[in-house]
Amino acid sequence: MNKILIADDNEQITSILANYAKKEGREPIIALDGAEALELFAKNAGEIVMVLIDVVMPEVDGFEVCRRLRKKSMVPVMMLMARGEDYDKIMGLDIGADDYVIKPFSASEVMARVRAVLRRMQVSEQSRQGMYAVGNLKIDIEKYEVEIGGGKVPLTKNEIELLWTLEKNSSKVFSRENLPDSIWGYDYLGDSRTVDPHIKRLRAKLDSLTIRAWT
């Protein structure tokens, strides 16, 4: 598993990112549209460690590519965004992206974020395996599944990681700044405010349940 899938309809961007990926010791796989990205992922799924997806692409846009990937895989996904609007950032994270970067960006920054996300995934696998249950709530961090009263709750990957951390550390008070580090085990490179919409959506999805309030 050493491949990085890079999907962007701008060949200059894919070429630059591919060169930097090679310097990182990764094998780049290039897709110039969303449909090709999905096809290449299906062919190389067992070997891909990271997916970089442009939001605006022909055939299938980046958001839809991420949605489809999340139905079959928890491979780390980074969105490449031409706009820095909060709506786009929140949309990407809500559908399961692990991080995002705003264009224009430096390839070295993208690779730094890739390394950070991969470290985060390694920490998740090593230190947070198992099942957590309290009352009628069950969280399976290995399968990324949450059940309440025996029924599955449709949460995103990031929401499940957030819920896991909050429930496992119910006596601890988190700040907006230190929560991402507590969840993912490294100095988060993204905007700490992105935690807010995750908590808001968790509250909405779990609104009818007796789960501790977060402040």
C-alpha atoms as a PDB file:
ATOM      1  CA  MET A   1       0.000   0.000   0.000  1.00  0.00           C
ATOM      2  CA  ASN A   2       2.003   2.945  -1.255  1.00  0.00           C
ATOM      3  CA  LYS A   3      -0.085   4.661  -3.913  1.00  0.00           C
ATOM      4  CA  ILE A   4      -1.656   8.106  -3.890  1.00  0.00           C
ATOM      5  CA  LEU A   5      -4.598   8.778  -6.191  1.00  0.00           C
ATOM      6  CA  ILE A   6      -4.529  12.361  -7.495  1.00  0.00           C
ATOM      7  CA  ALA A   7      -7.681  13.522  -9.270  1.00  0.00           C
ATOM      8  CA  ASP A   8      -7.749  16.963 -10.929  1.00  0.00           C
ATOM      9  CA  ASP A   9      -8.646  18.095 -14.441  1.00  0.00           C
ATOM     10  CA  ASN A  10      -5.677  20.495 -14.411  1.00  0.00           C
ATOM     11  CA  GLU A  11      -2.741  18.474 -15.752  1.00  0.00           C
ATOM     12  CA  GLN A  12      -0.218  20.978 -14.442  1.00  0.00           C
ATOM     13  CA  ILE A  13      -1.488  20.468 -10.900  1.00  0.00           C
ATOM     14  CA  THR A  14      -1.519  16.665 -11.184  1.00  0.00           C
ATOM     15  CA  SER A  15       2.001  16.704 -12.630  1.00  0.00           C
ATOM     16  CA  ILE A  16       3.392  18.852  -9.802  1.00  0.00           C
ATOM     17  CA  LEU A  17       1.648  16.837  -7.084  1.00  0.00           C
ATOM     18  CA  ALA A  18       2.774  13.582  -8.703  1.00  0.00           C
ATOM     19  CA  ASN A  19       6.409  14.713  -8.649  1.00  0.00           C
ATOM     20  CA  TYR A  20       6.165  15.664  -4.989  1.00  0.00           C
ATOM     21  CA  ALA A  21       4.457  12.366  -4.179  1.00  0.00           C
ATOM     22  CA  LYS A  22       7.371  10.517  -5.777  1.00  0.00           C
ATOM     23  CA  LYS A  23       9.782  12.481  -3.588  1.00  0.00           C
ATOM     24  CA  GLU A  24       7.796  11.200  -0.613  1.00  0.00           C
ATOM     25  CA  GLY A  25       8.348   7.646  -1.821  1.00  0.00           C
ATOM     26  CA  ARG A  26       4.747   7.271  -3.007  1.00  0.00           C
ATOM     27  CA  GLU A  27       3.509   6.015  -6.356  1.00  0.00           C
ATOM     28  CA  PRO A  28       1.096   8.559  -7.900  1.00  0.00           C
ATOM     29  CA  ILE A  29      -1.969   7.484  -9.877  1.00  0.00           C
ATOM     30  CA  ILE A  30      -3.447  10.284 -11.989  1.00  0.00           C
ATOM     31  CA  ALA A  31      -7.105  10.845 -12.908  1.00  0.00           C
ATOM     32  CA  LEU A  32      -8.316  13.829 -14.942  1.00  0.00           C
ATOM     33  CA  ASP A  33     -12.004  13.512 -14.088  1.00  0.00           C
ATOM     34  CA  GLY A  34     -14.219  12.065 -11.390  1.00  0.00           C
ATOM     35  CA  ALA A  35     -15.311   9.014 -13.328  1.00  0.00           C
ATOM     36  CA  GLU A  36     -11.704   8.041 -14.029  1.00  0.00           C
ATOM     37  CA  ALA A  37     -10.856   8.586 -10.359  1.00  0.00           C
ATOM     38  CA  LEU A  38     -13.524   6.101  -9.272  1.00  0.00           C
ATOM     39  CA  GLU A  39     -12.392   3.594 -11.894  1.00  0.00           C
ATOM     40  CA  LEU A  40      -8.736   3.831 -10.870  1.00  0.00           C
ATOM     41  CA  PHE A  41      -9.635   3.543  -7.204  1.00  0.00           C
ATOM     42  CA  ALA A  42     -11.594   0.364  -7.870  1.00  0.00           C
ATOM     43  CA  LYS A  43      -8.588  -1.125  -9.687  1.00  0.00           C
ATOM     44  CA  ASN A  44      -6.046  -0.131  -7.037  1.00  0.00           C
ATOM     45  CA  ALA A  45      -8.110   0.067  -3.821  1.00  0.00           C
ATOM     46  CA  GLY A  46      -5.923  -2.297  -1.827  1.00  0.00           C
ATOM     47  CA  GLU A  47      -2.785  -0.299  -2.582  1.00  0.00           C
ATOM     48  CA  ILE A  48      -4.009   3.302  -2.223  1.00  0.00           C
ATOM     49  CA  VAL A  49      -3.114   5.044   1.054  1.00  0.00           C
ATOM     50  CA  MET A  50      -4.434   8.515   0.195  1.00  0.00           C
ATOM     51  CA  VAL A  51      -6.788  10.213  -2.262  1.00  0.00           C
ATOM     52  CA  LEU A  52      -6.457  13.855  -3.355  1.00  0.00           C
ATOM     53  CA  ILE A  53      -9.618  15.079  -5.116  1.00  0.00           C
ATOM     54  CA  ASP A  54     -10.331  18.348  -6.887  1.00  0.00           C
ATOM     55  CA  VAL A  55     -13.864  19.542  -6.127  1.00  0.00           C
ATOM     56  CA  VAL A  56     -14.696  20.847  -9.614  1.00  0.00           C
ATOM     57  CA  MET A  57     -14.097  18.083 -12.179  1.00  0.00           C
ATOM     58  CA  PRO A  58     -15.804  16.808 -15.351  1.00  0.00           C
ATOM     59  CA  GLU A  59     -18.054  13.739 -15.343  1.00  0.00           C
ATOM     60  CA  VAL A  60     -18.341  13.398 -11.549  1.00  0.00           C
ATOM     61  CA  ASP A  61     -17.424  16.221  -9.162  1.00  0.00           C
ATOM     62  CA  GLY A  62     -15.116  15.763  -6.191  1.00  0.00           C
ATOM     63  CA  PHE A  63     -17.876  15.813  -3.603  1.00  0.00           C
ATOM     64  CA  GLU A  64     -19.678  12.956  -5.330  1.00  0.00           C
ATOM     65  CA  VAL A  65     -16.426  11.011  -5.707  1.00  0.00           C
ATOM     66  CA  CYS A  66     -15.865  11.327  -1.950  1.00  0.00           C
ATOM     67  CA  ARG A  67     -19.441  10.231  -1.211  1.00  0.00           C
ATOM     68  CA  ARG A  68     -19.043   7.103  -3.339  1.00  0.00           C
ATOM     69  CA  LEU A  69     -15.647   6.263  -1.859  1.00  0.00           C
ATOM     70  CA  ARG A  70     -17.041   6.530   1.658  1.00  0.00           C
ATOM     71  CA  LYS A  71     -19.663   3.901   0.856  1.00  0.00           C
ATOM     72  CA  LYS A  72     -16.933   1.325   0.327  1.00  0.00           C
ATOM     73  CA  SER A  73     -13.722   2.571   1.953  1.00  0.00           C
ATOM     74  CA  MET A  74     -12.274   4.616   4.826  1.00  0.00           C
ATOM     75  CA  VAL A  75      -9.143   5.543   2.857  1.00  0.00           C
ATOM     76  CA  PRO A  76      -8.014   9.092   3.778  1.00  0.00           C
ATOM     77  CA  VAL A  77      -9.410  11.749   1.416  1.00  0.00           C
ATOM     78  CA  MET A  78      -8.186  15.325   0.956  1.00  0.00           C
ATOM     79  CA  MET A  79     -10.281  17.814  -1.009  1.00  0.00           C
ATOM     80  CA  LEU A  80      -8.560  20.330  -3.328  1.00  0.00           C
ATOM     81  CA  MET A  81     -10.759  23.437  -3.329  1.00  0.00           C
ATOM     82  CA  ALA A  82     -10.641  26.455  -5.620  1.00  0.00           C
ATOM     83  CA  ARG A  83     -12.689  28.496  -3.142  1.00  0.00           C
ATOM     84  CA  GLY A  84     -12.213  28.940   0.565  1.00  0.00           C
ATOM     85  CA  GLU A  85     -15.883  29.401   1.393  1.00  0.00           C
ATOM     86  CA  ASP A  86     -17.101  27.821   4.621  1.00  0.00           C
ATOM     87  CA  TYR A  87     -19.896  26.016   2.766  1.00  0.00           C
ATOM     88  CA  ASP A  88     -17.427  24.095   0.597  1.00  0.00           C
ATOM     89  CA  LYS A  89     -15.192  23.247   3.555  1.00  0.00           C
ATOM     90  CA  ILE A  90     -18.102  22.042   5.666  1.00  0.00           C
ATOM     91  CA  MET A  91     -19.590  20.087   2.746  1.00  0.00           C
ATOM     92  CA  GLY A  92     -16.311  18.248   2.181  1.00  0.00           C
ATOM     93  CA  LEU A  93     -15.871  17.353   5.829  1.00  0.00           C
ATOM     94  CA  ASP A  94     -19.522  16.415   6.228  1.00  0.00           C
ATOM     95  CA  ILE A  95     -19.388  13.834   3.439  1.00  0.00           C
ATOM     96  CA  GLY A  96     -16.303  12.218   4.931  1.00  0.00           C
ATOM     97  CA  ALA A  97     -13.193  14.063   3.739  1.00  0.00           C
ATOM     98  CA  ASP A  98     -10.313  14.016   6.216  1.00  0.00           C
ATOM     99  CA  ASP A  99      -8.840  17.375   5.261  1.00  0.00           C
ATOM    100  CA  TYR A 100      -8.909  20.077   2.605  1.00  0.00           C
ATOM    101  CA  VAL A 101      -6.517  22.562   1.025  1.00  0.00           C
ATOM    102  CA  ILE A 102      -7.411  25.795  -0.775  1.00  0.00           C
ATOM    103  CA  LYS A 103      -6.033  26.693  -4.207  1.00  0.00           C
ATOM    104  CA  PRO A 104      -3.606  28.161  -4.973  1.00  0.00           C
ATOM    105  CA  PHE A 105      -1.509  25.962  -2.723  1.00  0.00           C
ATOM    106  CA  SER A 106       2.081  24.845  -2.508  1.00  0.00           C
ATOM    107  CA  ALA A 107       2.744  21.198  -3.273  1.00  0.00           C
ATOM    108  CA  SER A 108       4.979  20.999  -0.205  1.00  0.00           C
ATOM    109  CA  GLU A 109       2.039  22.069   1.996  1.00  0.00           C
ATOM    110  CA  VAL A 110      -0.167  19.412   0.414  1.00  0.00           C
ATOM    111  CA  MET A 111       2.434  16.738   1.105  1.00  0.00           C
ATOM    112  CA  ALA A 112       2.818  17.974   4.699  1.00  0.00           C
ATOM    113  CA  ARG A 113      -0.931  17.595   5.143  1.00  0.00           C
ATOM    114  CA  VAL A 114      -0.795  14.139   3.566  1.00  0.00           C
ATOM    115  CA  ARG A 115       1.883  13.088   6.065  1.00  0.00           C
ATOM    116  CA  ALA A 116      -0.173  14.510   8.921  1.00  0.00           C
ATOM    117  CA  VAL A 117      -3.347  12.697   7.873  1.00  0.00           C
ATOM    118  CA  LEU A 118      -1.476   9.408   7.483  1.00  0.00           C
ATOM    119  CA  ARG A 119       0.063   9.849  10.956  1.00  0.00           C
ATOM    120  CA  ARG A 120      -3.397  10.500  12.290  1.00  0.00           C
ATOM    121  CA  MET A 121      -4.706   7.292  10.718  1.00  0.00           C
ATOM    122  CA  GLN A 122      -1.812   5.329  12.218  1.00  0.00           C
ATOM    123  CA  VAL A 123      -2.549   6.735  15.670  1.00  0.00           C
ATOM    124  CA  SER A 124      -6.217   5.828  15.252  1.00  0.00           C
ATOM    125  CA  GLU A 125      -5.387   2.239  14.364  1.00  0.00           C
ATOM    126  CA  GLN A 126      -2.843   1.766  17.148  1.00  0.00           C
ATOM    127  CA  SER A 127      -4.477   3.494  20.101  1.00  0.00           C
ATOM    128  CA  ARG A 128      -8.236   3.564  19.555  1.00  0.00           C
ATOM    129  CA  GLN A 129      -9.226   0.087  18.553  1.00  0.00           C
ATOM    130  CA  GLY A 130     -12.214  -1.477  20.192  1.00  0.00           C
ATOM    131  CA  MET A 131     -15.786  -0.980  21.270  1.00  0.00           C
ATOM    132  CA  TYR A 132     -17.273   1.572  23.641  1.00  0.00           C
ATOM    133  CA  ALA A 133     -20.750   1.300  25.147  1.00  0.00           C
ATOM    134  CA  VAL A 134     -22.708   3.482  27.546  1.00  0.00           C
ATOM    135  CA  GLY A 135     -26.445   3.111  28.085  1.00  0.00           C
ATOM    136  CA  ASN A 136     -28.009   2.345  24.715  1.00  0.00           C
ATOM    137  CA  LEU A 137     -25.069   3.853  22.800  1.00  0.00           C
ATOM    138  CA  LYS A 138     -22.436   1.616  21.182  1.00  0.00           C
ATOM    139  CA  ILE A 139     -19.442   2.850  19.187  1.00  0.00           C
ATOM    140  CA  ASP A 140     -17.335   0.432  17.151  1.00  0.00           C
ATOM    141  CA  ILE A 141     -14.252   2.432  16.178  1.00  0.00           C
ATOM    142  CA  GLU A 142     -12.814  -0.445  14.125  1.00  0.00           C
ATOM    143  CA  LYS A 143     -15.851  -0.695  11.858  1.00  0.00           C
ATOM    144  CA  TYR A 144     -16.735   3.000  12.179  1.00  0.00           C
ATOM    145  CA  GLU A 145     -20.268   2.175  13.242  1.00  0.00           C
ATOM    146  CA  VAL A 146     -22.512   3.734  15.887  1.00  0.00           C
ATOM    147  CA  GLU A 147     -25.657   2.097  17.237  1.00  0.00           C
ATOM    148  CA  ILE A 148     -28.301   3.487  19.530  1.00  0.00           C
ATOM    149  CA  GLY A 149     -30.906   1.095  20.870  1.00  0.00           C
ATOM    150  CA  GLY A 150     -29.735  -1.502  18.360  1.00  0.00           C
ATOM    151  CA  GLY A 151     -30.222   0.754  15.344  1.00  0.00           C
ATOM    152  CA  LYS A 152     -27.327   2.154  13.303  1.00  0.00           C
ATOM    153  CA  VAL A 153     -26.833   5.925  13.271  1.00  0.00           C
ATOM    154  CA  PRO A 154     -25.682   7.464   9.938  1.00  0.00           C
ATOM    155  CA  LEU A 155     -22.614   9.415  11.067  1.00  0.00           C
ATOM    156  CA  THR A 156     -19.604  10.432   9.005  1.00  0.00           C
ATOM    157  CA  LYS A 157     -16.113   9.136   9.760  1.00  0.00           C
ATOM    158  CA  ASN A 158     -15.082  12.414  11.402  1.00  0.00           C
ATOM    159  CA  GLU A 159     -18.277  12.552  13.464  1.00  0.00           C
ATOM    160  CA  ILE A 160     -17.680   9.029  14.752  1.00  0.00           C
ATOM    161  CA  GLU A 161     -14.103   9.897  15.745  1.00  0.00           C
ATOM    162  CA  LEU A 162     -15.378  13.021  17.496  1.00  0.00           C
ATOM    163  CA  LEU A 163     -18.113  11.121  19.341  1.00  0.00           C
ATOM    164  CA  TRP A 164     -15.629   8.396  20.346  1.00  0.00           C
ATOM    165  CA  THR A 165     -13.219  10.935  21.828  1.00  0.00           C
ATOM    166  CA  LEU A 166     -15.895  12.886  23.695  1.00  0.00           C
ATOM    167  CA  GLU A 167     -17.498   9.754  25.149  1.00  0.00           C
ATOM    168  CA  LYS A 168     -14.195   8.146  26.128  1.00  0.00           C
ATOM    169  CA  ASN A 169     -13.114  11.368  27.863  1.00  0.00           C
ATOM    170  CA  SER A 170     -16.424  12.493  29.327  1.00  0.00           C
ATOM    171  CA  SER A 171     -14.805  14.055  32.397  1.00  0.00           C
ATOM    172  CA  LYS A 172     -12.361  16.153  30.371  1.00  0.00           C
ATOM    173  CA  VAL A 173     -13.031  19.701  29.163  1.00  0.00           C
ATOM    174  CA  PHE A 174     -11.871  20.331  25.590  1.00  0.00           C
ATOM    175  CA  SER A 175     -11.197  23.673  23.941  1.00  0.00           C
ATOM    176  CA  ARG A 176     -11.804  24.216  20.243  1.00  0.00           C
ATOM    177  CA  GLU A 177      -8.049  24.377  19.756  1.00  0.00           C
ATOM    178  CA  ASN A 178      -7.018  21.190  21.593  1.00  0.00           C
ATOM    179  CA  LEU A 179      -9.942  18.968  20.583  1.00  0.00           C
ATOM    180  CA  PRO A 180      -8.597  18.126  17.076  1.00  0.00           C
ATOM    181  CA  ASP A 181      -5.234  17.165  18.587  1.00  0.00           C
ATOM    182  CA  SER A 182      -6.957  15.005  21.197  1.00  0.00           C
ATOM    183  CA  ILE A 183      -9.019  13.286  18.502  1.00  0.00           C
ATOM    184  CA  TRP A 184      -6.368  12.724  15.867  1.00  0.00           C
ATOM    185  CA  GLY A 185      -3.163  12.646  17.877  1.00  0.00           C
ATOM    186  CA  TYR A 186      -1.182  15.347  16.109  1.00  0.00           C
ATOM    187  CA  ASP A 187      -1.080  19.116  15.681  1.00  0.00           C
ATOM    188  CA  TYR A 188      -4.030  19.628  13.372  1.00  0.00           C
ATOM    189  CA  LEU A 189      -3.196  21.703  10.290  1.00  0.00           C
ATOM    190  CA  GLY A 190      -6.764  22.683   9.493  1.00  0.00           C
ATOM    191  CA  ASP A 191      -9.014  25.425  10.848  1.00  0.00           C
ATOM    192  CA  SER A 192     -10.007  24.592  14.434  1.00  0.00           C
ATOM    193  CA  ARG A 193     -13.435  26.092  13.761  1.00  0.00           C
ATOM    194  CA  THR A 194     -14.292  23.099  11.559  1.00  0.00           C
ATOM    195  CA  VAL A 195     -14.924  21.171  14.782  1.00  0.00           C
ATOM    196  CA  ASP A 196     -17.960  23.375  15.480  1.00  0.00           C
ATOM    197  CA  PRO A 197     -20.164  22.133  12.617  1.00  0.00           C
ATOM    198  CA  HIS A 198     -19.301  18.521  13.456  1.00  0.00           C
ATOM    199  CA  ILE A 199     -20.528  19.004  17.027  1.00  0.00           C
ATOM    200  CA  LYS A 200     -23.613  20.847  15.770  1.00  0.00           C
ATOM    201  CA  ARG A 201     -24.487  17.990  13.420  1.00  0.00           C
ATOM    202  CA  LEU A 202     -23.845  15.397  16.128  1.00  0.00           C
ATOM    203  CA  ARG A 203     -26.249  17.224  18.403  1.00  0.00           C
ATOM    204  CA  ALA A 204     -28.856  17.323  15.650  1.00  0.00           C
ATOM    205  CA  LYS A 205     -28.475  13.632  14.778  1.00  0.00           C
ATOM    206  CA  LEU A 206     -28.490  12.523  18.390  1.00  0.00           C
ATOM    207  CA  ASP A 207     -31.021  15.104  19.510  1.00  0.00           C
ATOM    208  CA  SER A 208     -33.643  12.617  20.669  1.00  0.00           C
ATOM    209  CA  LEU A 209     -31.220  10.592  22.779  1.00  0.00           C
ATOM    210  CA  THR A 210     -30.042  10.903  26.375  1.00  0.00           C
ATOM    211  CA  ILE A 211     -26.393  11.585  25.750  1.00  0.00           C
ATOM    212  CA  ARG A 212     -24.381  14.032  27.825  1.00  0.00           C
ATOM    213  CA  ALA A 213     -24.466  17.642  26.705  1.00  0.00           C
ATOM    214  CA  TRP A 214     -21.278  19.139  25.344  1.00  0.00           C
ATOM    215  CA  THR A 215     -20.339  22.709  26.185  1.00  0.00           C
END
